[in-house]
Amino acid sequence: MAGGLRNSLLLVGIGAIVIIVGAVMISRDPASGAGAVSGNKNMSSTLTLNTSAFENGQAIPSEYTCDGDNVSPLLAIAGVPEGAKSLALIMDDPDVPTQLKPDGVFDHWTLFNIAPETREIPENGSAGTVGANGSGQSAYTGPCPPAQYEPSEHRYFFRLYALDAELDIPAGASKKDVLAAMEGHIIDRAELMGRYKRK
């Protein structure tokens, strides 16, 4: 009886040690936890992305959409970390009806190999090398959520990445190709989000 109790206590003790060791290992793994970026080598973020066109999380003015001039907004870049060799910018809409696109995402703008000294992408301007948008064109295309589908208001994410290398991919590369080439080279990132609903 005593031997059985001793064995049970021993197993409980070993189990506790395994749990504690596992918790310590997870806490030391920078890739675990919410919001981790694959390939992020710099855990203290300094990179920022802003615009004077709209407040983060608020409505994008119609001039930057298919209902207006369909031009890109001015983007201001700051806090590029030392060691960055290039920047990449991706704008996409994750609220596309799956009836139109099975993955529910439309790519609006893809730029890469932007010089790390860049501090502004002007309105209706560009920087670096232009990749393909969701229509296969090497250009910006603004928000244009189809009014006949829900949700009628979509979110548009502008994501800026600081990379420790230039990307060896051609002009016109897709967002998927850019993301694949960035793998293991991200040292920081920043995000800006706007919303748009057609009237």
N, C-alpha and C. Protein backbone atom coordinates (compact mmCIF):
# COMPACT_ATOMS: atom_id res chain seq x y z
N MET A 1 0.83 -1.20 0.00
CA MET A 1 0.00 0.00 0.00
C MET A 1 0.87 1.25 0.00
N ALA A 2 1.86 1.24 0.96
CA ALA A 2 2.76 2.38 1.04
C ALA A 2 3.54 2.55 -0.25
N GLY A 3 3.93 1.41 -0.84
CA GLY A 3 4.69 1.48 -2.09
C GLY A 3 3.85 2.06 -3.22
N GLY A 4 2.56 1.69 -3.26
CA GLY A 4 1.68 2.23 -4.29
C GLY A 4 1.49 3.72 -4.13
N LEU A 5 1.34 4.18 -2.87
CA LEU A 5 1.19 5.62 -2.62
C LEU A 5 2.45 6.37 -3.01
N ARG A 6 3.62 5.77 -2.68
CA ARG A 6 4.89 6.39 -3.01
C ARG A 6 5.03 6.54 -4.52
N ASN A 7 4.63 5.50 -5.26
CA ASN A 7 4.72 5.53 -6.73
C ASN A 7 3.78 6.60 -7.31
N SER A 8 2.60 6.70 -6.71
CA SER A 8 1.64 7.70 -7.20
C SER A 8 2.16 9.11 -6.99
N LEU A 9 2.73 9.33 -5.78
CA LEU A 9 3.29 10.66 -5.49
C LEU A 9 4.46 10.97 -6.42
N LEU A 10 5.26 9.95 -6.71
CA LEU A 10 6.39 10.14 -7.62
C LEU A 10 5.92 10.55 -9.01
N LEU A 11 4.86 9.89 -9.50
CA LEU A 11 4.32 10.22 -10.82
C LEU A 11 3.75 11.63 -10.86
N VAL A 12 3.06 12.03 -9.77
CA VAL A 12 2.51 13.39 -9.69
C VAL A 12 3.64 14.41 -9.71
N GLY A 13 4.71 14.12 -8.96
CA GLY A 13 5.86 15.02 -8.93
C GLY A 13 6.51 15.17 -10.29
N ILE A 14 6.69 14.05 -10.99
CA ILE A 14 7.29 14.10 -12.33
C ILE A 14 6.39 14.89 -13.28
N GLY A 15 5.07 14.68 -13.18
CA GLY A 15 4.13 15.41 -14.04
C GLY A 15 4.21 16.91 -13.81
N ALA A 16 4.32 17.31 -12.54
CA ALA A 16 4.42 18.74 -12.21
C ALA A 16 5.68 19.35 -12.79
N ILE A 17 6.80 18.61 -12.71
CA ILE A 17 8.07 19.09 -13.25
C ILE A 17 7.96 19.28 -14.76
N VAL A 18 7.34 18.31 -15.44
CA VAL A 18 7.17 18.39 -16.90
C VAL A 18 6.36 19.63 -17.28
N ILE A 19 5.28 19.89 -16.51
CA ILE A 19 4.43 21.05 -16.80
C ILE A 19 5.21 22.35 -16.60
N ILE A 20 5.96 22.44 -15.50
CA ILE A 20 6.74 23.65 -15.21
C ILE A 20 7.78 23.90 -16.28
N VAL A 21 8.52 22.85 -16.65
CA VAL A 21 9.55 22.98 -17.69
C VAL A 21 8.92 23.41 -19.01
N GLY A 22 7.77 22.82 -19.35
CA GLY A 22 7.09 23.19 -20.58
C GLY A 22 6.67 24.64 -20.59
N ALA A 23 6.15 25.12 -19.44
CA ALA A 23 5.73 26.51 -19.35
C ALA A 23 6.91 27.46 -19.52
N VAL A 24 8.05 27.11 -18.93
CA VAL A 24 9.25 27.93 -19.06
C VAL A 24 9.72 27.98 -20.51
N MET A 25 9.70 26.85 -21.17
CA MET A 25 10.14 26.80 -22.58
C MET A 25 9.23 27.65 -23.46
N ILE A 26 7.91 27.58 -23.22
CA ILE A 26 6.97 28.36 -24.02
C ILE A 26 7.19 29.84 -23.80
N SER A 27 7.41 30.23 -22.53
CA SER A 27 7.60 31.66 -22.24
C SER A 27 8.86 32.20 -22.87
N ARG A 28 9.84 31.33 -23.13
CA ARG A 28 11.09 31.78 -23.75
C ARG A 28 11.05 31.76 -25.27
N ASP A 29 9.97 31.20 -25.85
CA ASP A 29 9.87 31.08 -27.30
C ASP A 29 9.23 32.33 -27.87
N PRO A 30 9.99 33.18 -28.58
CA PRO A 30 9.44 34.42 -29.10
C PRO A 30 8.38 34.21 -30.16
N ALA A 31 8.31 33.01 -30.74
CA ALA A 31 7.33 32.76 -31.80
C ALA A 31 5.97 32.38 -31.23
N SER A 32 5.90 32.13 -29.91
CA SER A 32 4.62 31.75 -29.33
C SER A 32 3.88 32.98 -28.86
N GLY A 33 2.58 32.84 -28.68
CA GLY A 33 1.78 33.94 -28.16
C GLY A 33 1.09 34.71 -29.26
N ALA A 34 0.07 35.46 -28.89
CA ALA A 34 -0.73 36.20 -29.86
C ALA A 34 0.09 37.31 -30.50
N GLY A 35 -0.14 37.52 -31.78
CA GLY A 35 0.47 38.64 -32.48
C GLY A 35 1.91 38.41 -32.90
N ALA A 36 2.45 37.21 -32.70
CA ALA A 36 3.83 36.96 -33.12
C ALA A 36 3.93 37.02 -34.63
N VAL A 37 5.02 37.56 -35.12
CA VAL A 37 5.26 37.66 -36.56
C VAL A 37 6.33 36.66 -36.94
N SER A 38 6.02 35.82 -37.90
CA SER A 38 7.00 34.84 -38.35
C SER A 38 8.24 35.55 -38.87
N GLY A 39 9.39 35.20 -38.34
CA GLY A 39 10.64 35.79 -38.81
C GLY A 39 10.98 37.10 -38.12
N ASN A 40 10.19 37.53 -37.14
CA ASN A 40 10.48 38.80 -36.46
C ASN A 40 11.68 38.63 -35.55
N LYS A 41 12.76 39.37 -35.84
CA LYS A 41 14.00 39.22 -35.09
C LYS A 41 14.18 40.33 -34.05
N ASN A 42 13.29 41.31 -34.06
CA ASN A 42 13.42 42.45 -33.15
C ASN A 42 12.13 42.58 -32.36
N MET A 43 12.16 42.19 -31.07
CA MET A 43 10.94 42.15 -30.29
C MET A 43 10.50 43.53 -29.81
N SER A 44 11.39 44.53 -29.82
CA SER A 44 11.00 45.89 -29.41
C SER A 44 10.71 46.70 -30.66
N SER A 45 9.43 46.90 -30.95
CA SER A 45 9.01 47.56 -32.18
C SER A 45 9.21 49.07 -32.10
N THR A 46 9.80 49.64 -33.15
CA THR A 46 9.96 51.09 -33.25
C THR A 46 9.31 51.63 -34.52
N LEU A 47 9.02 50.77 -35.48
CA LEU A 47 8.50 51.17 -36.78
C LEU A 47 7.07 51.69 -36.64
N THR A 48 6.76 52.80 -37.31
CA THR A 48 5.40 53.33 -37.32
C THR A 48 4.97 53.67 -38.74
N LEU A 49 3.67 53.58 -38.97
CA LEU A 49 3.06 53.91 -40.25
C LEU A 49 1.82 54.75 -39.97
N ASN A 50 1.78 55.96 -40.54
CA ASN A 50 0.67 56.88 -40.29
C ASN A 50 0.24 57.55 -41.59
N THR A 51 -0.92 58.16 -41.54
CA THR A 51 -1.41 58.92 -42.68
C THR A 51 -2.17 60.14 -42.17
N SER A 52 -2.13 61.22 -42.93
CA SER A 52 -2.92 62.40 -42.61
C SER A 52 -4.30 62.32 -43.25
N ALA A 53 -4.54 61.27 -44.05
CA ALA A 53 -5.79 61.14 -44.79
C ALA A 53 -6.96 60.68 -43.92
N PHE A 54 -6.67 59.86 -42.88
CA PHE A 54 -7.73 59.37 -42.00
C PHE A 54 -7.10 58.89 -40.69
N GLU A 55 -7.93 58.81 -39.66
CA GLU A 55 -7.48 58.31 -38.37
C GLU A 55 -7.43 56.79 -38.40
N ASN A 56 -6.45 56.23 -37.71
CA ASN A 56 -6.34 54.77 -37.65
C ASN A 56 -7.65 54.17 -37.14
N GLY A 57 -8.19 53.24 -37.91
CA GLY A 57 -9.43 52.56 -37.53
C GLY A 57 -10.69 53.27 -37.99
N GLN A 58 -10.54 54.44 -38.62
CA GLN A 58 -11.70 55.22 -39.03
C GLN A 58 -11.92 55.14 -40.54
N ALA A 59 -12.92 55.88 -41.01
CA ALA A 59 -13.32 55.82 -42.42
C ALA A 59 -12.26 56.41 -43.35
N ILE A 60 -12.04 55.73 -44.46
CA ILE A 60 -11.15 56.22 -45.52
C ILE A 60 -11.96 57.15 -46.42
N PRO A 61 -11.48 58.37 -46.67
CA PRO A 61 -12.22 59.29 -47.55
C PRO A 61 -12.41 58.70 -48.94
N SER A 62 -13.54 59.03 -49.57
CA SER A 62 -13.90 58.41 -50.84
C SER A 62 -12.92 58.71 -51.96
N GLU A 63 -12.14 59.81 -51.86
CA GLU A 63 -11.19 60.13 -52.93
C GLU A 63 -10.13 59.03 -53.11
N TYR A 64 -9.93 58.22 -52.07
CA TYR A 64 -8.93 57.14 -52.15
C TYR A 64 -9.56 55.81 -52.54
N THR A 65 -10.82 55.84 -52.99
CA THR A 65 -11.57 54.63 -53.30
C THR A 65 -12.07 54.66 -54.75
N CYS A 66 -12.77 53.58 -55.12
CA CYS A 66 -13.32 53.51 -56.47
C CYS A 66 -14.46 54.48 -56.68
N ASP A 67 -14.97 55.06 -55.61
CA ASP A 67 -16.04 56.06 -55.73
C ASP A 67 -15.48 57.46 -55.95
N GLY A 68 -14.17 57.62 -55.84
CA GLY A 68 -13.54 58.92 -56.03
C GLY A 68 -12.43 58.86 -57.06
N ASP A 69 -11.26 59.38 -56.69
CA ASP A 69 -10.14 59.45 -57.63
C ASP A 69 -9.33 58.16 -57.67
N ASN A 70 -9.60 57.24 -56.71
CA ASN A 70 -8.89 55.95 -56.66
C ASN A 70 -7.37 56.14 -56.60
N VAL A 71 -6.93 57.11 -55.78
CA VAL A 71 -5.50 57.35 -55.60
C VAL A 71 -5.10 56.88 -54.21
N SER A 72 -3.85 56.53 -54.05
CA SER A 72 -3.35 56.06 -52.76
C SER A 72 -3.16 57.23 -51.80
N PRO A 73 -3.41 57.02 -50.51
CA PRO A 73 -3.20 58.10 -49.54
C PRO A 73 -1.72 58.29 -49.23
N LEU A 74 -1.38 59.49 -48.76
CA LEU A 74 -0.02 59.73 -48.28
C LEU A 74 0.24 58.85 -47.07
N LEU A 75 1.41 58.22 -47.03
CA LEU A 75 1.80 57.40 -45.89
C LEU A 75 3.11 57.92 -45.33
N ALA A 76 3.17 58.09 -44.02
CA ALA A 76 4.37 58.57 -43.34
C ALA A 76 5.01 57.41 -42.57
N ILE A 77 6.32 57.27 -42.76
CA ILE A 77 7.08 56.17 -42.15
C ILE A 77 8.08 56.74 -41.15
N ALA A 78 8.16 56.12 -39.99
CA ALA A 78 9.14 56.56 -38.99
C ALA A 78 9.61 55.34 -38.19
N GLY A 79 10.74 55.53 -37.50
CA GLY A 79 11.23 54.48 -36.61
C GLY A 79 11.78 53.25 -37.31
N VAL A 80 12.28 53.40 -38.54
CA VAL A 80 12.88 52.26 -39.24
C VAL A 80 14.09 51.78 -38.43
N PRO A 81 14.12 50.52 -38.04
CA PRO A 81 15.21 50.05 -37.18
C PRO A 81 16.55 49.99 -37.90
N GLU A 82 17.61 50.16 -37.13
CA GLU A 82 18.96 49.99 -37.68
C GLU A 82 19.09 48.57 -38.20
N GLY A 83 19.80 48.43 -39.28
CA GLY A 83 19.98 47.11 -39.87
C GLY A 83 18.96 46.78 -40.94
N ALA A 84 17.93 47.62 -41.08
CA ALA A 84 16.95 47.38 -42.15
C ALA A 84 17.58 47.64 -43.50
N LYS A 85 17.40 46.71 -44.42
CA LYS A 85 17.95 46.85 -45.78
C LYS A 85 16.87 47.21 -46.79
N SER A 86 15.62 46.97 -46.42
CA SER A 86 14.51 47.34 -47.30
C SER A 86 13.22 47.34 -46.50
N LEU A 87 12.19 47.93 -47.11
CA LEU A 87 10.84 47.93 -46.52
C LEU A 87 9.88 47.32 -47.53
N ALA A 88 8.78 46.78 -47.03
CA ALA A 88 7.72 46.27 -47.90
C ALA A 88 6.39 46.74 -47.35
N LEU A 89 5.45 47.03 -48.24
CA LEU A 89 4.13 47.49 -47.84
C LEU A 89 3.07 46.65 -48.54
N ILE A 90 2.12 46.18 -47.75
CA ILE A 90 1.01 45.40 -48.30
C ILE A 90 -0.29 45.98 -47.78
N MET A 91 -1.23 46.23 -48.69
CA MET A 91 -2.58 46.67 -48.31
C MET A 91 -3.56 45.62 -48.80
N ASP A 92 -4.40 45.13 -47.88
CA ASP A 92 -5.40 44.15 -48.31
C ASP A 92 -6.69 44.31 -47.54
N ASP A 93 -7.71 43.64 -48.03
CA ASP A 93 -9.07 43.68 -47.47
C ASP A 93 -9.43 42.25 -47.10
N PRO A 94 -9.57 41.94 -45.79
CA PRO A 94 -9.89 40.57 -45.37
C PRO A 94 -11.40 40.31 -45.24
N ASP A 95 -12.23 41.24 -45.71
CA ASP A 95 -13.68 41.11 -45.52
C ASP A 95 -14.43 40.85 -46.82
N VAL A 96 -13.74 40.34 -47.82
CA VAL A 96 -14.36 40.06 -49.11
C VAL A 96 -15.32 38.88 -48.98
N PRO A 97 -16.53 38.97 -49.52
CA PRO A 97 -17.46 37.84 -49.46
C PRO A 97 -16.85 36.60 -50.10
N THR A 98 -17.01 35.48 -49.43
CA THR A 98 -16.42 34.23 -49.96
C THR A 98 -17.10 33.80 -51.26
N GLN A 99 -18.29 34.36 -51.55
CA GLN A 99 -18.93 34.07 -52.84
C GLN A 99 -18.11 34.64 -53.99
N LEU A 100 -17.35 35.71 -53.68
CA LEU A 100 -16.53 36.36 -54.71
C LEU A 100 -15.10 35.84 -54.71
N LYS A 101 -14.54 35.60 -53.50
CA LYS A 101 -13.19 35.06 -53.37
C LYS A 101 -13.20 34.05 -52.24
N PRO A 102 -12.89 32.81 -52.53
CA PRO A 102 -12.97 31.76 -51.50
C PRO A 102 -12.15 32.04 -50.24
N ASP A 103 -10.99 32.71 -50.39
CA ASP A 103 -10.17 32.98 -49.21
C ASP A 103 -10.59 34.25 -48.48
N GLY A 104 -11.54 35.01 -49.05
CA GLY A 104 -12.07 36.19 -48.39
C GLY A 104 -11.14 37.38 -48.32
N VAL A 105 -10.08 37.40 -49.14
CA VAL A 105 -9.10 38.49 -49.09
C VAL A 105 -8.86 39.04 -50.49
N PHE A 106 -8.79 40.37 -50.60
CA PHE A 106 -8.41 41.00 -51.86
C PHE A 106 -7.20 41.89 -51.60
N ASP A 107 -6.20 41.77 -52.46
CA ASP A 107 -4.97 42.54 -52.32
C ASP A 107 -5.09 43.85 -53.11
N HIS A 108 -4.92 44.97 -52.40
CA HIS A 108 -5.10 46.28 -53.03
C HIS A 108 -3.79 46.95 -53.46
N TRP A 109 -2.70 46.60 -52.78
CA TRP A 109 -1.43 47.29 -53.08
C TRP A 109 -0.30 46.45 -52.53
N THR A 110 0.73 46.28 -53.34
CA THR A 110 1.92 45.53 -52.92
C THR A 110 3.16 46.28 -53.39
N LEU A 111 3.99 46.71 -52.43
CA LEU A 111 5.26 47.37 -52.73
C LEU A 111 6.36 46.65 -51.97
N PHE A 112 7.52 46.51 -52.58
CA PHE A 112 8.66 45.89 -51.88
C PHE A 112 9.97 46.50 -52.37
N ASN A 113 11.05 46.16 -51.68
CA ASN A 113 12.37 46.76 -51.94
C ASN A 113 12.31 48.29 -51.91
N ILE A 114 11.53 48.79 -50.94
CA ILE A 114 11.49 50.22 -50.68
C ILE A 114 12.76 50.58 -49.90
N ALA A 115 13.45 51.64 -50.28
CA ALA A 115 14.67 52.04 -49.59
C ALA A 115 14.38 52.31 -48.12
N PRO A 116 15.22 51.83 -47.21
CA PRO A 116 14.95 52.02 -45.77
C PRO A 116 15.01 53.48 -45.33
N GLU A 117 15.58 54.35 -46.16
CA GLU A 117 15.62 55.79 -45.85
C GLU A 117 14.29 56.48 -46.15
N THR A 118 13.38 55.79 -46.81
CA THR A 118 12.10 56.38 -47.20
C THR A 118 11.30 56.78 -45.97
N ARG A 119 10.84 58.01 -45.96
CA ARG A 119 10.04 58.50 -44.83
C ARG A 119 8.63 58.87 -45.24
N GLU A 120 8.36 58.84 -46.54
CA GLU A 120 7.02 59.18 -47.00
C GLU A 120 6.76 58.55 -48.36
N ILE A 121 5.57 58.01 -48.51
CA ILE A 121 5.08 57.59 -49.83
C ILE A 121 3.98 58.60 -50.16
N PRO A 122 4.21 59.47 -51.15
CA PRO A 122 3.27 60.58 -51.39
C PRO A 122 1.90 60.12 -51.88
N GLU A 123 0.92 60.97 -51.72
CA GLU A 123 -0.41 60.68 -52.24
C GLU A 123 -0.33 60.43 -53.74
N ASN A 124 -1.01 59.40 -54.20
CA ASN A 124 -1.00 59.00 -55.60
C ASN A 124 0.42 58.71 -56.09
N GLY A 125 1.30 58.31 -55.15
CA GLY A 125 2.68 58.00 -55.49
C GLY A 125 3.01 56.54 -55.24
N SER A 126 4.29 56.24 -55.27
CA SER A 126 4.74 54.87 -55.09
C SER A 126 6.15 54.89 -54.53
N ALA A 127 6.68 53.73 -54.26
CA ALA A 127 8.06 53.62 -53.76
C ALA A 127 8.53 52.19 -54.01
N GLY A 128 9.82 52.05 -54.17
CA GLY A 128 10.38 50.71 -54.36
C GLY A 128 9.89 50.05 -55.63
N THR A 129 9.65 48.76 -55.53
CA THR A 129 9.18 47.96 -56.66
C THR A 129 7.71 47.63 -56.46
N VAL A 130 6.93 47.78 -57.51
CA VAL A 130 5.49 47.55 -57.41
C VAL A 130 5.16 46.10 -57.73
N GLY A 131 4.42 45.47 -56.82
CA GLY A 131 3.93 44.11 -57.04
C GLY A 131 2.50 44.14 -57.54
N ALA A 132 1.93 42.98 -57.72
CA ALA A 132 0.58 42.87 -58.28
C ALA A 132 -0.49 43.03 -57.21
N ASN A 133 -1.59 43.67 -57.61
CA ASN A 133 -2.76 43.68 -56.74
C ASN A 133 -3.65 42.48 -57.06
N GLY A 134 -4.81 42.42 -56.46
CA GLY A 134 -5.68 41.26 -56.64
C GLY A 134 -6.23 41.11 -58.04
N SER A 135 -6.14 42.17 -58.84
CA SER A 135 -6.59 42.10 -60.24
C SER A 135 -5.45 41.77 -61.18
N GLY A 136 -4.25 41.57 -60.62
CA GLY A 136 -3.09 41.23 -61.43
C GLY A 136 -2.38 42.44 -62.00
N GLN A 137 -2.80 43.65 -61.61
CA GLN A 137 -2.16 44.87 -62.10
C GLN A 137 -1.12 45.37 -61.10
N SER A 138 -0.05 45.92 -61.61
CA SER A 138 1.01 46.47 -60.76
C SER A 138 0.66 47.92 -60.43
N ALA A 139 -0.27 48.09 -59.51
CA ALA A 139 -0.76 49.42 -59.17
C ALA A 139 -1.57 49.36 -57.89
N TYR A 140 -1.83 50.54 -57.34
CA TYR A 140 -2.77 50.68 -56.22
C TYR A 140 -4.17 50.62 -56.78
N THR A 141 -5.06 49.94 -56.08
CA THR A 141 -6.49 50.04 -56.37
C THR A 141 -7.21 50.19 -55.05
N GLY A 142 -8.07 51.21 -54.96
CA GLY A 142 -8.66 51.58 -53.69
C GLY A 142 -9.81 50.71 -53.25
N PRO A 143 -10.29 50.96 -52.04
CA PRO A 143 -11.45 50.24 -51.51
C PRO A 143 -12.64 50.34 -52.44
N CYS A 144 -13.36 49.22 -52.57
CA CYS A 144 -14.53 49.19 -53.45
C CYS A 144 -15.43 48.03 -53.03
N PRO A 145 -15.87 48.01 -51.77
CA PRO A 145 -16.66 46.87 -51.29
C PRO A 145 -18.00 46.78 -52.03
N PRO A 146 -18.35 45.60 -52.52
CA PRO A 146 -19.62 45.46 -53.25
C PRO A 146 -20.81 45.66 -52.30
N ALA A 147 -21.66 46.63 -52.62
CA ALA A 147 -22.75 47.01 -51.72
C ALA A 147 -23.81 45.93 -51.56
N GLN A 148 -23.87 45.00 -52.53
CA GLN A 148 -24.93 43.99 -52.49
C GLN A 148 -24.59 42.81 -51.57
N TYR A 149 -23.39 42.82 -50.99
CA TYR A 149 -22.97 41.73 -50.11
C TYR A 149 -22.70 42.26 -48.70
N GLU A 150 -22.87 41.39 -47.73
CA GLU A 150 -22.50 41.71 -46.35
C GLU A 150 -21.13 41.09 -46.07
N PRO A 151 -20.28 41.73 -45.25
CA PRO A 151 -20.54 43.04 -44.64
C PRO A 151 -20.40 44.16 -45.67
N SER A 152 -21.20 45.19 -45.52
CA SER A 152 -21.14 46.30 -46.47
C SER A 152 -19.96 47.23 -46.18
N GLU A 153 -19.50 47.23 -44.93
CA GLU A 153 -18.30 48.00 -44.57
C GLU A 153 -17.13 47.04 -44.43
N HIS A 154 -16.03 47.35 -45.12
CA HIS A 154 -14.84 46.50 -45.08
C HIS A 154 -13.70 47.21 -44.36
N ARG A 155 -12.78 46.39 -43.84
CA ARG A 155 -11.55 46.91 -43.23
C ARG A 155 -10.41 46.80 -44.24
N TYR A 156 -9.53 47.79 -44.22
CA TYR A 156 -8.39 47.81 -45.13
C TYR A 156 -7.12 47.99 -44.30
N PHE A 157 -6.25 46.98 -44.37
CA PHE A 157 -5.04 46.98 -43.57
C PHE A 157 -3.83 47.36 -44.43
N PHE A 158 -3.09 48.35 -43.97
CA PHE A 158 -1.81 48.73 -44.56
C PHE A 158 -0.75 48.18 -43.59
N ARG A 159 0.07 47.24 -44.05
CA ARG A 159 1.10 46.66 -43.19
C ARG A 159 2.48 46.96 -43.77
N LEU A 160 3.31 47.57 -42.94
CA LEU A 160 4.67 47.93 -43.35
C LEU A 160 5.65 47.01 -42.64
N TYR A 161 6.58 46.46 -43.39
CA TYR A 161 7.57 45.53 -42.85
C TYR A 161 8.98 46.09 -43.05
N ALA A 162 9.80 46.03 -42.01
CA ALA A 162 11.23 46.33 -42.12
C ALA A 162 11.96 44.99 -42.24
N LEU A 163 12.80 44.89 -43.25
CA LEU A 163 13.47 43.62 -43.56
C LEU A 163 14.98 43.77 -43.50
N ASP A 164 15.67 42.66 -43.19
CA ASP A 164 17.13 42.69 -43.13
C ASP A 164 17.77 42.34 -44.46
N ALA A 165 16.97 42.36 -45.54
CA ALA A 165 17.49 42.03 -46.88
C ALA A 165 16.59 42.65 -47.93
N GLU A 166 17.13 42.79 -49.15
CA GLU A 166 16.28 43.11 -50.29
C GLU A 166 15.73 41.80 -50.83
N LEU A 167 14.55 41.85 -51.42
CA LEU A 167 13.89 40.64 -51.90
C LEU A 167 14.28 40.36 -53.35
N ASP A 168 14.70 39.14 -53.60
CA ASP A 168 15.14 38.73 -54.95
C ASP A 168 13.95 38.16 -55.72
N ILE A 169 12.99 39.02 -55.99
CA ILE A 169 11.80 38.64 -56.76
C ILE A 169 11.53 39.76 -57.77
N PRO A 170 10.85 39.44 -58.87
CA PRO A 170 10.67 40.44 -59.93
C PRO A 170 9.53 41.41 -59.66
N ALA A 171 9.55 42.52 -60.36
CA ALA A 171 8.42 43.46 -60.34
C ALA A 171 7.17 42.71 -60.78
N GLY A 172 6.05 43.08 -60.18
CA GLY A 172 4.80 42.40 -60.51
C GLY A 172 4.56 41.15 -59.69
N ALA A 173 5.45 40.86 -58.74
CA ALA A 173 5.26 39.68 -57.88
C ALA A 173 3.98 39.83 -57.06
N SER A 174 3.33 38.72 -56.79
CA SER A 174 2.09 38.74 -56.01
C SER A 174 2.39 38.91 -54.53
N LYS A 175 1.34 39.25 -53.76
CA LYS A 175 1.50 39.35 -52.31
C LYS A 175 2.01 38.02 -51.74
N LYS A 176 1.49 36.93 -52.24
CA LYS A 176 1.91 35.61 -51.76
C LYS A 176 3.41 35.42 -51.97
N ASP A 177 3.92 35.83 -53.14
CA ASP A 177 5.35 35.70 -53.42
C ASP A 177 6.18 36.61 -52.52
N VAL A 178 5.67 37.82 -52.26
CA VAL A 178 6.38 38.76 -51.40
C VAL A 178 6.44 38.21 -49.97
N LEU A 179 5.33 37.71 -49.47
CA LEU A 179 5.31 37.15 -48.12
C LEU A 179 6.27 35.96 -47.99
N ALA A 180 6.30 35.13 -49.01
CA ALA A 180 7.20 33.97 -48.99
C ALA A 180 8.66 34.42 -48.99
N ALA A 181 8.98 35.44 -49.79
CA ALA A 181 10.36 35.94 -49.85
C ALA A 181 10.77 36.63 -48.55
N MET A 182 9.80 37.23 -47.83
CA MET A 182 10.09 37.92 -46.58
C MET A 182 10.35 36.96 -45.42
N GLU A 183 9.93 35.72 -45.56
CA GLU A 183 10.04 34.76 -44.46
C GLU A 183 11.46 34.72 -43.90
N GLY A 184 11.59 34.93 -42.59
CA GLY A 184 12.88 34.90 -41.93
C GLY A 184 13.66 36.20 -42.01
N HIS A 185 13.10 37.23 -42.66
CA HIS A 185 13.82 38.50 -42.82
C HIS A 185 13.14 39.68 -42.13
N ILE A 186 12.00 39.46 -41.49
CA ILE A 186 11.26 40.55 -40.85
C ILE A 186 11.92 40.92 -39.53
N ILE A 187 12.28 42.20 -39.39
CA ILE A 187 12.85 42.65 -38.11
C ILE A 187 11.91 43.60 -37.37
N ASP A 188 10.89 44.10 -38.05
CA ASP A 188 9.89 44.93 -37.39
C ASP A 188 8.72 45.09 -38.34
N ARG A 189 7.57 45.49 -37.79
CA ARG A 189 6.42 45.77 -38.65
C ARG A 189 5.51 46.78 -37.98
N ALA A 190 4.71 47.47 -38.79
CA ALA A 190 3.73 48.44 -38.30
C ALA A 190 2.45 48.26 -39.11
N GLU A 191 1.34 48.69 -38.51
CA GLU A 191 0.05 48.46 -39.16
C GLU A 191 -0.85 49.68 -39.03
N LEU A 192 -1.59 49.94 -40.07
CA LEU A 192 -2.57 51.03 -40.12
C LEU A 192 -3.84 50.45 -40.72
N MET A 193 -4.99 50.80 -40.16
CA MET A 193 -6.24 50.24 -40.68
C MET A 193 -7.27 51.33 -40.91
N GLY A 194 -7.96 51.23 -42.04
CA GLY A 194 -9.07 52.14 -42.33
C GLY A 194 -10.30 51.33 -42.73
N ARG A 195 -11.44 51.99 -42.75
CA ARG A 195 -12.70 51.33 -43.10
C ARG A 195 -13.37 52.08 -44.26
N TYR A 196 -14.16 51.32 -45.01
CA TYR A 196 -14.92 52.00 -46.06
C TYR A 196 -16.22 51.26 -46.33
N LYS A 197 -17.27 52.07 -46.48
CA LYS A 197 -18.61 51.56 -46.85
C LYS A 197 -19.14 52.43 -47.96
N ARG A 198 -19.54 51.82 -49.04
CA ARG A 198 -20.06 52.59 -50.17
C ARG A 198 -21.42 53.16 -49.85
N LYS A 199 -21.67 54.35 -50.30
CA LYS A 199 -22.94 55.02 -50.02
C LYS A 199 -23.94 54.73 -51.13
